[in-house]
Amino acid sequence: MSSAPVTRSRLRILAVEFIRFGLVGGLGFIVDVGVFNLLRTTIMDPAHMHEGPVVAKLISTTLAILVNWLGNRYWTFKERRRADMLRESIEFFAVSIVGMGIGLVCLWFSHYVLHFTSLWADNISGNVIGLVLGAIFRFVLYRVWVFGEHRVRVPDARIEAAGKTTSIS
């Protein structure tokens, strides 16, 4: 019987993390889609630059990864963030780059293999299909590997402060 509350508690934590991940991802999505479309319709229009859609997606996704790292580190997985921020950020960006690759492959395949070259098709392949597949991949790896429970976490400032107060008395 004692395992039931633990299971509910873990499910609640997972649900909260998933919702926060979705909200952070939503902000990243706005950055990604906004920058992609701005670049794709201006200086990286395929009429001016053959590889423009892929380069625009590379730039927009890189900016979104930065936004997502900050949001996930300081909000989604704040209780799980690690003491070794450099290693955490390297692992986060490695997972994100693979996730970005998933989106880029979807865009590349649609644009250059299937020849669906409209702005609409580029958005569906890169910003819908690619982002959904990449988001599933990223959530699992962020939760299990980058911010996994087996990692050494940043000490909670309240616990540290309580410890200092106790040791002084």
C-alpha atoms as a PDB file:
ATOM      1  CA  MET A   1       0.000   0.000   0.000  1.00  0.00           C
ATOM      2  CA  SER A   2       2.838   2.402   0.717  1.00  0.00           C
ATOM      3  CA  SER A   3       4.026   2.214  -2.902  1.00  0.00           C
ATOM      4  CA  ALA A   4       0.751   3.722  -4.253  1.00  0.00           C
ATOM      5  CA  PRO A   5       1.380   7.259  -2.891  1.00  0.00           C
ATOM      6  CA  VAL A   6       4.939   7.108  -4.218  1.00  0.00           C
ATOM      7  CA  THR A   7       3.640   6.137  -7.647  1.00  0.00           C
ATOM      8  CA  ARG A   8       1.060   8.936  -7.636  1.00  0.00           C
ATOM      9  CA  SER A   9       3.712  11.360  -6.453  1.00  0.00           C
ATOM     10  CA  ARG A  10       6.086  10.304  -9.223  1.00  0.00           C
ATOM     11  CA  LEU A  11       3.315  10.568 -11.796  1.00  0.00           C
ATOM     12  CA  ARG A  12       2.477  14.053 -10.536  1.00  0.00           C
ATOM     13  CA  ILE A  13       6.139  15.099 -10.769  1.00  0.00           C
ATOM     14  CA  LEU A  14       6.346  13.650 -14.287  1.00  0.00           C
ATOM     15  CA  ALA A  15       3.161  15.489 -15.284  1.00  0.00           C
ATOM     16  CA  VAL A  16       4.432  18.806 -13.888  1.00  0.00           C
ATOM     17  CA  GLU A  17       7.773  18.376 -15.654  1.00  0.00           C
ATOM     18  CA  PHE A  18       6.029  17.456 -18.902  1.00  0.00           C
ATOM     19  CA  ILE A  19       3.749  20.516 -18.718  1.00  0.00           C
ATOM     20  CA  ARG A  20       6.671  22.811 -17.919  1.00  0.00           C
ATOM     21  CA  PHE A  21       8.705  21.193 -20.705  1.00  0.00           C
ATOM     22  CA  GLY A  22       5.806  21.896 -23.058  1.00  0.00           C
ATOM     23  CA  LEU A  23       5.556  25.544 -21.995  1.00  0.00           C
ATOM     24  CA  VAL A  24       9.305  26.094 -22.331  1.00  0.00           C
ATOM     25  CA  GLY A  25       9.169  24.261 -25.648  1.00  0.00           C
ATOM     26  CA  GLY A  26       6.286  26.514 -26.708  1.00  0.00           C
ATOM     27  CA  LEU A  27       8.449  29.565 -26.133  1.00  0.00           C
ATOM     28  CA  GLY A  28      11.293  27.882 -27.999  1.00  0.00           C
ATOM     29  CA  PHE A  29       8.817  27.043 -30.787  1.00  0.00           C
ATOM     30  CA  ILE A  30       7.833  30.716 -31.113  1.00  0.00           C
ATOM     31  CA  VAL A  31      11.504  31.689 -31.347  1.00  0.00           C
ATOM     32  CA  ASP A  32      12.236  28.861 -33.802  1.00  0.00           C
ATOM     33  CA  VAL A  33       9.267  29.481 -36.109  1.00  0.00           C
ATOM     34  CA  GLY A  34       9.537  33.259 -35.919  1.00  0.00           C
ATOM     35  CA  VAL A  35      13.241  33.419 -36.737  1.00  0.00           C
ATOM     36  CA  PHE A  36      12.903  30.662 -39.379  1.00  0.00           C
ATOM     37  CA  ASN A  37      10.117  32.472 -41.215  1.00  0.00           C
ATOM     38  CA  LEU A  38      11.822  35.848 -40.937  1.00  0.00           C
ATOM     39  CA  LEU A  39      15.023  34.445 -42.449  1.00  0.00           C
ATOM     40  CA  ARG A  40      13.249  32.138 -44.943  1.00  0.00           C
ATOM     41  CA  THR A  41      11.185  34.999 -46.381  1.00  0.00           C
ATOM     42  CA  THR A  42      14.005  37.554 -46.506  1.00  0.00           C
ATOM     43  CA  ILE A  43      17.744  37.006 -46.820  1.00  0.00           C
ATOM     44  CA  MET A  44      17.511  33.199 -46.979  1.00  0.00           C
ATOM     45  CA  ASP A  45      14.702  32.942 -49.512  1.00  0.00           C
ATOM     46  CA  PRO A  46      15.451  29.980 -51.812  1.00  0.00           C
ATOM     47  CA  ALA A  47      15.319  32.369 -54.786  1.00  0.00           C
ATOM     48  CA  HIS A  48      18.394  34.144 -53.358  1.00  0.00           C
ATOM     49  CA  MET A  49      20.078  31.266 -51.541  1.00  0.00           C
ATOM     50  CA  HIS A  50      19.497  27.667 -52.678  1.00  0.00           C
ATOM     51  CA  GLU A  51      20.208  26.179 -49.237  1.00  0.00           C
ATOM     52  CA  GLY A  52      18.368  29.029 -47.495  1.00  0.00           C
ATOM     53  CA  PRO A  53      15.598  26.993 -45.830  1.00  0.00           C
ATOM     54  CA  VAL A  54      18.055  24.591 -44.201  1.00  0.00           C
ATOM     55  CA  VAL A  55      20.421  27.383 -43.082  1.00  0.00           C
ATOM     56  CA  ALA A  56      17.470  29.394 -41.738  1.00  0.00           C
ATOM     57  CA  LYS A  57      16.290  26.339 -39.795  1.00  0.00           C
ATOM     58  CA  LEU A  58      19.782  25.744 -38.427  1.00  0.00           C
ATOM     59  CA  ILE A  59      19.987  29.326 -37.117  1.00  0.00           C
ATOM     60  CA  SER A  60      16.435  29.441 -35.746  1.00  0.00           C
ATOM     61  CA  THR A  61      16.759  26.113 -33.976  1.00  0.00           C
ATOM     62  CA  THR A  62      20.097  27.082 -32.422  1.00  0.00           C
ATOM     63  CA  LEU A  63      18.478  30.175 -30.891  1.00  0.00           C
ATOM     64  CA  ALA A  64      15.531  28.087 -29.691  1.00  0.00           C
ATOM     65  CA  ILE A  65      17.928  25.582 -28.070  1.00  0.00           C
ATOM     66  CA  LEU A  66      19.474  28.393 -26.034  1.00  0.00           C
ATOM     67  CA  VAL A  67      16.028  29.562 -24.872  1.00  0.00           C
ATOM     68  CA  ASN A  68      15.055  25.967 -24.058  1.00  0.00           C
ATOM     69  CA  TRP A  69      18.228  25.282 -22.074  1.00  0.00           C
ATOM     70  CA  LEU A  70      17.650  28.305 -19.868  1.00  0.00           C
ATOM     71  CA  GLY A  71      13.972  27.459 -19.353  1.00  0.00           C
ATOM     72  CA  ASN A  72      14.569  23.783 -18.676  1.00  0.00           C
ATOM     73  CA  ARG A  73      17.547  24.345 -16.375  1.00  0.00           C
ATOM     74  CA  TYR A  74      15.957  27.074 -14.282  1.00  0.00           C
ATOM     75  CA  TRP A  75      12.292  26.029 -14.373  1.00  0.00           C
ATOM     76  CA  THR A  76      11.310  22.622 -15.799  1.00  0.00           C
ATOM     77  CA  PHE A  77      14.049  20.574 -14.149  1.00  0.00           C
ATOM     78  CA  LYS A  78      15.166  23.122 -11.530  1.00  0.00           C
ATOM     79  CA  GLU A  79      15.162  20.485  -8.769  1.00  0.00           C
ATOM     80  CA  ARG A  80      17.301  18.238 -10.981  1.00  0.00           C
ATOM     81  CA  ARG A  81      19.816  20.727 -12.363  1.00  0.00           C
ATOM     82  CA  ARG A  82      23.359  19.680 -11.815  1.00  0.00           C
ATOM     83  CA  ALA A  83      26.259  21.158  -9.943  1.00  0.00           C
ATOM     84  CA  ASP A  84      28.475  20.681 -13.018  1.00  0.00           C
ATOM     85  CA  MET A  85      26.766  23.263 -15.227  1.00  0.00           C
ATOM     86  CA  LEU A  86      29.351  22.991 -18.013  1.00  0.00           C
ATOM     87  CA  ARG A  87      28.870  19.250 -18.427  1.00  0.00           C
ATOM     88  CA  GLU A  88      25.092  19.631 -18.110  1.00  0.00           C
ATOM     89  CA  SER A  89      25.028  22.298 -20.811  1.00  0.00           C
ATOM     90  CA  ILE A  90      27.257  20.241 -23.135  1.00  0.00           C
ATOM     91  CA  GLU A  91      24.993  17.213 -22.727  1.00  0.00           C
ATOM     92  CA  PHE A  92      21.871  19.386 -23.158  1.00  0.00           C
ATOM     93  CA  PHE A  93      23.212  20.894 -26.368  1.00  0.00           C
ATOM     94  CA  ALA A  94      24.303  17.451 -27.638  1.00  0.00           C
ATOM     95  CA  VAL A  95      20.788  16.079 -27.164  1.00  0.00           C
ATOM     96  CA  SER A  96      19.345  19.260 -28.657  1.00  0.00           C
ATOM     97  CA  ILE A  97      21.590  19.040 -31.703  1.00  0.00           C
ATOM     98  CA  VAL A  98      20.393  15.498 -32.378  1.00  0.00           C
ATOM     99  CA  GLY A  99      16.817  16.756 -31.901  1.00  0.00           C
ATOM    100  CA  MET A 100      17.596  19.586 -34.315  1.00  0.00           C
ATOM    101  CA  GLY A 101      18.966  17.010 -36.759  1.00  0.00           C
ATOM    102  CA  ILE A 102      15.627  15.207 -36.667  1.00  0.00           C
ATOM    103  CA  GLY A 103      13.864  18.427 -37.710  1.00  0.00           C
ATOM    104  CA  LEU A 104      16.464  19.225 -40.347  1.00  0.00           C
ATOM    105  CA  VAL A 105      16.183  15.761 -41.878  1.00  0.00           C
ATOM    106  CA  CYS A 106      12.397  16.143 -42.064  1.00  0.00           C
ATOM    107  CA  LEU A 107      12.762  19.555 -43.751  1.00  0.00           C
ATOM    108  CA  TRP A 108      15.536  18.394 -46.091  1.00  0.00           C
ATOM    109  CA  PHE A 109      13.628  15.276 -47.133  1.00  0.00           C
ATOM    110  CA  SER A 110      10.421  17.200 -47.790  1.00  0.00           C
ATOM    111  CA  HIS A 111      12.085  20.117 -49.597  1.00  0.00           C
ATOM    112  CA  TYR A 112      14.810  18.403 -51.627  1.00  0.00           C
ATOM    113  CA  VAL A 113      13.634  14.801 -52.052  1.00  0.00           C
ATOM    114  CA  LEU A 114       9.853  15.167 -52.240  1.00  0.00           C
ATOM    115  CA  HIS A 115      10.143  18.668 -53.788  1.00  0.00           C
ATOM    116  CA  PHE A 116       7.529  20.206 -51.520  1.00  0.00           C
ATOM    117  CA  THR A 117       9.171  23.642 -51.693  1.00  0.00           C
ATOM    118  CA  SER A 118       6.484  26.071 -50.575  1.00  0.00           C
ATOM    119  CA  LEU A 119       6.803  28.047 -47.352  1.00  0.00           C
ATOM    120  CA  TRP A 120       3.811  26.087 -46.046  1.00  0.00           C
ATOM    121  CA  ALA A 121       5.440  22.715 -46.799  1.00  0.00           C
ATOM    122  CA  ASP A 122       8.735  23.822 -45.227  1.00  0.00           C
ATOM    123  CA  ASN A 123       6.870  24.822 -42.056  1.00  0.00           C
ATOM    124  CA  ILE A 124       4.895  21.580 -41.866  1.00  0.00           C
ATOM    125  CA  SER A 125       7.948  19.369 -42.372  1.00  0.00           C
ATOM    126  CA  GLY A 126      10.419  21.351 -40.244  1.00  0.00           C
ATOM    127  CA  ASN A 127       8.229  23.079 -37.671  1.00  0.00           C
ATOM    128  CA  VAL A 128       5.514  20.484 -37.108  1.00  0.00           C
ATOM    129  CA  ILE A 129       6.691  16.976 -37.965  1.00  0.00           C
ATOM    130  CA  GLY A 130      10.346  17.611 -37.164  1.00  0.00           C
ATOM    131  CA  LEU A 131       9.653  19.474 -33.935  1.00  0.00           C
ATOM    132  CA  VAL A 132       7.201  16.869 -32.632  1.00  0.00           C
ATOM    133  CA  LEU A 133       9.589  13.983 -33.298  1.00  0.00           C
ATOM    134  CA  GLY A 134      12.518  15.990 -31.917  1.00  0.00           C
ATOM    135  CA  ALA A 135      10.555  17.046 -28.805  1.00  0.00           C
ATOM    136  CA  ILE A 136       9.729  13.456 -27.885  1.00  0.00           C
ATOM    137  CA  PHE A 137      13.378  12.492 -28.292  1.00  0.00           C
ATOM    138  CA  ARG A 138      14.588  15.504 -26.259  1.00  0.00           C
ATOM    139  CA  PHE A 139      12.135  15.128 -23.358  1.00  0.00           C
ATOM    140  CA  VAL A 140      13.124  11.518 -22.783  1.00  0.00           C
ATOM    141  CA  LEU A 141      16.864  12.199 -22.945  1.00  0.00           C
ATOM    142  CA  TYR A 142      16.742  15.426 -20.912  1.00  0.00           C
ATOM    143  CA  ARG A 143      14.805  13.703 -18.154  1.00  0.00           C
ATOM    144  CA  VAL A 144      16.752  10.441 -18.097  1.00  0.00           C
ATOM    145  CA  TRP A 145      20.273  11.551 -19.004  1.00  0.00           C
ATOM    146  CA  VAL A 146      20.915  15.304 -18.783  1.00  0.00           C
ATOM    147  CA  PHE A 147      18.788  15.983 -15.695  1.00  0.00           C
ATOM    148  CA  GLY A 148      18.638  12.343 -14.555  1.00  0.00           C
ATOM    149  CA  GLU A 149      18.119  11.453 -10.923  1.00  0.00           C
ATOM    150  CA  HIS A 150      21.553   9.822 -10.780  1.00  0.00           C
ATOM    151  CA  ARG A 151      23.308  13.194 -11.308  1.00  0.00           C
ATOM    152  CA  VAL A 152      24.866  15.332  -8.566  1.00  0.00           C
ATOM    153  CA  ARG A 153      22.522  18.256  -8.156  1.00  0.00           C
ATOM    154  CA  VAL A 154      22.997  21.886  -7.268  1.00  0.00           C
ATOM    155  CA  PRO A 155      22.581  22.196  -3.487  1.00  0.00           C
ATOM    156  CA  ASP A 156      19.324  23.794  -2.391  1.00  0.00           C
ATOM    157  CA  ALA A 157      20.158  27.254  -1.018  1.00  0.00           C
ATOM    158  CA  ARG A 158      17.567  26.867   1.770  1.00  0.00           C
ATOM    159  CA  ILE A 159      19.167  23.637   2.986  1.00  0.00           C
ATOM    160  CA  GLU A 160      22.622  25.206   2.798  1.00  0.00           C
ATOM    161  CA  ALA A 161      21.424  28.297   4.694  1.00  0.00           C
ATOM    162  CA  ALA A 162      19.791  26.112   7.378  1.00  0.00           C
ATOM    163  CA  GLY A 163      23.018  24.134   7.698  1.00  0.00           C
ATOM    164  CA  LYS A 164      25.090  27.301   8.151  1.00  0.00           C
ATOM    165  CA  THR A 165      22.680  28.627  10.761  1.00  0.00           C
ATOM    166  CA  THR A 166      22.826  25.342  12.653  1.00  0.00           C
ATOM    167  CA  SER A 167      26.614  25.090  12.515  1.00  0.00           C
ATOM    168  CA  ILE A 168      27.107  28.636  13.824  1.00  0.00           C
ATOM    169  CA  SER A 169      24.877  28.121  16.872  1.00  0.00           C
END
